[in-house]
């Protein structure tokens, strides 16, 4: 099981701020996790297909889409933040 956290527009679009899920075998990195989440359809597909920019953090460390994760990890998804 991994804990997923959703921030900003994701929380609004998906209607949840977090969930704990068991990911299927073969879903071992952020890119595959995003593709798997997109298969839920609707807002999930809109947010996780790569059309809208997303950042990810594993255990509170920013990571790239090819970064892996393990059972028990906390994975956060959020839009990129810009400042001015």
C-alpha atoms as a PDB file:
ATOM      1  CA  UNK A   1       0.000   0.000   0.000  1.00  0.00           C
ATOM      2  CA  UNK A   2       1.083   3.555  -0.701  1.00  0.00           C
ATOM      3  CA  UNK A   3      -0.430   6.775   0.542  1.00  0.00           C
ATOM      4  CA  UNK A   4      -1.294   9.270  -2.185  1.00  0.00           C
ATOM      5  CA  UNK A   5      -1.731  12.967  -1.433  1.00  0.00           C
ATOM      6  CA  UNK A   6      -3.367  15.412  -3.850  1.00  0.00           C
ATOM      7  CA  UNK A   7      -2.860  19.167  -3.589  1.00  0.00           C
ATOM      8  CA  UNK A   8      -4.284  22.371  -5.140  1.00  0.00           C
ATOM      9  CA  UNK A   9      -6.241  21.826  -8.382  1.00  0.00           C
ATOM     10  CA  UNK A  10      -5.900  18.048  -8.065  1.00  0.00           C
ATOM     11  CA  UNK A  11      -7.705  17.993  -4.731  1.00  0.00           C
ATOM     12  CA  UNK A  12     -10.496  20.078  -6.258  1.00  0.00           C
ATOM     13  CA  UNK A  13     -10.773  18.100  -9.506  1.00  0.00           C
ATOM     14  CA  UNK A  14     -10.554  14.649  -7.897  1.00  0.00           C
ATOM     15  CA  UNK A  15     -12.709  15.456  -4.871  1.00  0.00           C
ATOM     16  CA  UNK A  16     -10.218  14.005  -2.400  1.00  0.00           C
ATOM     17  CA  UNK A  17      -7.020  15.051  -0.705  1.00  0.00           C
ATOM     18  CA  UNK A  18      -5.612  11.600  -0.017  1.00  0.00           C
ATOM     19  CA  UNK A  19      -6.078   7.855  -0.318  1.00  0.00           C
ATOM     20  CA  UNK A  20      -4.261   4.650   0.463  1.00  0.00           C
ATOM     21  CA  UNK A  21      -4.073   2.164  -2.378  1.00  0.00           C
ATOM     22  CA  UNK A  22      -2.438  -1.080  -3.349  1.00  0.00           C
ATOM     23  CA  UNK A  23      -0.777  -0.601  -6.709  1.00  0.00           C
ATOM     24  CA  UNK A  24      -0.616  -3.506  -9.149  1.00  0.00           C
ATOM     25  CA  UNK A  25       2.613  -5.311  -9.976  1.00  0.00           C
ATOM     26  CA  UNK A  26       4.508  -3.470 -12.669  1.00  0.00           C
ATOM     27  CA  UNK A  27       3.542  -0.028 -11.377  1.00  0.00           C
ATOM     28  CA  UNK A  28       6.953   0.781  -9.945  1.00  0.00           C
ATOM     29  CA  UNK A  29       7.636   4.407 -10.864  1.00  0.00           C
ATOM     30  CA  UNK A  30       5.797   7.727 -10.898  1.00  0.00           C
ATOM     31  CA  UNK A  31       5.143   7.677 -14.644  1.00  0.00           C
ATOM     32  CA  UNK A  32       3.495   4.249 -14.491  1.00  0.00           C
ATOM     33  CA  UNK A  33       1.535   5.271 -11.407  1.00  0.00           C
ATOM     34  CA  UNK A  34       0.203   8.329 -13.209  1.00  0.00           C
ATOM     35  CA  UNK A  35      -0.804   6.210 -16.217  1.00  0.00           C
ATOM     36  CA  UNK A  36      -2.539   3.732 -13.934  1.00  0.00           C
ATOM     37  CA  UNK A  37      -4.421   6.523 -12.122  1.00  0.00           C
ATOM     38  CA  UNK A  38      -5.459   8.021 -15.487  1.00  0.00           C
ATOM     39  CA  UNK A  39      -7.209   4.741 -16.316  1.00  0.00           C
ATOM     40  CA  UNK A  40      -9.839   5.644 -13.715  1.00  0.00           C
ATOM     41  CA  UNK A  41     -11.254   7.991 -16.367  1.00  0.00           C
ATOM     42  CA  UNK A  42     -12.973  11.342 -16.007  1.00  0.00           C
ATOM     43  CA  UNK A  43     -11.047  13.923 -13.960  1.00  0.00           C
ATOM     44  CA  UNK A  44      -8.369  11.310 -13.231  1.00  0.00           C
ATOM     45  CA  UNK A  45      -7.656  10.950 -16.927  1.00  0.00           C
ATOM     46  CA  UNK A  46      -7.651  14.721 -17.441  1.00  0.00           C
ATOM     47  CA  UNK A  47      -5.159  15.306 -14.635  1.00  0.00           C
ATOM     48  CA  UNK A  48      -2.803  12.349 -15.061  1.00  0.00           C
ATOM     49  CA  UNK A  49      -2.367  11.886 -18.829  1.00  0.00           C
ATOM     50  CA  UNK A  50       0.457  14.419 -19.055  1.00  0.00           C
ATOM     51  CA  UNK A  51      -1.564  17.170 -20.722  1.00  0.00           C
ATOM     52  CA  UNK A  52      -1.428  19.272 -17.555  1.00  0.00           C
ATOM     53  CA  UNK A  53       1.889  19.706 -15.728  1.00  0.00           C
ATOM     54  CA  UNK A  54       2.299  17.851 -12.439  1.00  0.00           C
ATOM     55  CA  UNK A  55       5.092  17.466  -9.931  1.00  0.00           C
ATOM     56  CA  UNK A  56       5.558  14.536  -7.581  1.00  0.00           C
ATOM     57  CA  UNK A  57       7.274  13.967  -4.269  1.00  0.00           C
ATOM     58  CA  UNK A  58       8.068  10.650  -2.635  1.00  0.00           C
ATOM     59  CA  UNK A  59       8.381  10.834   1.130  1.00  0.00           C
ATOM     60  CA  UNK A  60       8.517  14.640   0.874  1.00  0.00           C
ATOM     61  CA  UNK A  61      11.372  14.724  -1.675  1.00  0.00           C
ATOM     62  CA  UNK A  62      10.745  16.088  -5.165  1.00  0.00           C
ATOM     63  CA  UNK A  63      11.279  13.397  -7.791  1.00  0.00           C
ATOM     64  CA  UNK A  64      11.108  12.974 -11.546  1.00  0.00           C
ATOM     65  CA  UNK A  65       8.591  10.819 -13.375  1.00  0.00           C
ATOM     66  CA  UNK A  66      11.040   7.940 -13.749  1.00  0.00           C
ATOM     67  CA  UNK A  67      11.697   7.758  -9.996  1.00  0.00           C
ATOM     68  CA  UNK A  68      10.611   4.612  -8.252  1.00  0.00           C
ATOM     69  CA  UNK A  69       8.736   4.093  -5.026  1.00  0.00           C
ATOM     70  CA  UNK A  70       8.129   1.270  -2.576  1.00  0.00           C
ATOM     71  CA  UNK A  71       5.345  -0.186  -0.522  1.00  0.00           C
ATOM     72  CA  UNK A  72       4.663   2.097   2.443  1.00  0.00           C
ATOM     73  CA  UNK A  73       5.831   5.278   0.702  1.00  0.00           C
ATOM     74  CA  UNK A  74       3.915   8.549   0.688  1.00  0.00           C
ATOM     75  CA  UNK A  75       3.513  10.030  -2.794  1.00  0.00           C
ATOM     76  CA  UNK A  76       2.269  13.586  -3.274  1.00  0.00           C
ATOM     77  CA  UNK A  77       1.062  15.088  -6.533  1.00  0.00           C
ATOM     78  CA  UNK A  78       0.735  18.833  -7.073  1.00  0.00           C
ATOM     79  CA  UNK A  79       0.872  21.388  -9.894  1.00  0.00           C
ATOM     80  CA  UNK A  80       4.120  23.299 -10.407  1.00  0.00           C
ATOM     81  CA  UNK A  81       4.240  26.510  -8.423  1.00  0.00           C
ATOM     82  CA  UNK A  82       5.547  29.767  -9.807  1.00  0.00           C
ATOM     83  CA  UNK A  83       6.335  32.864  -7.881  1.00  0.00           C
ATOM     84  CA  UNK A  84       6.812  36.447  -8.723  1.00  0.00           C
END
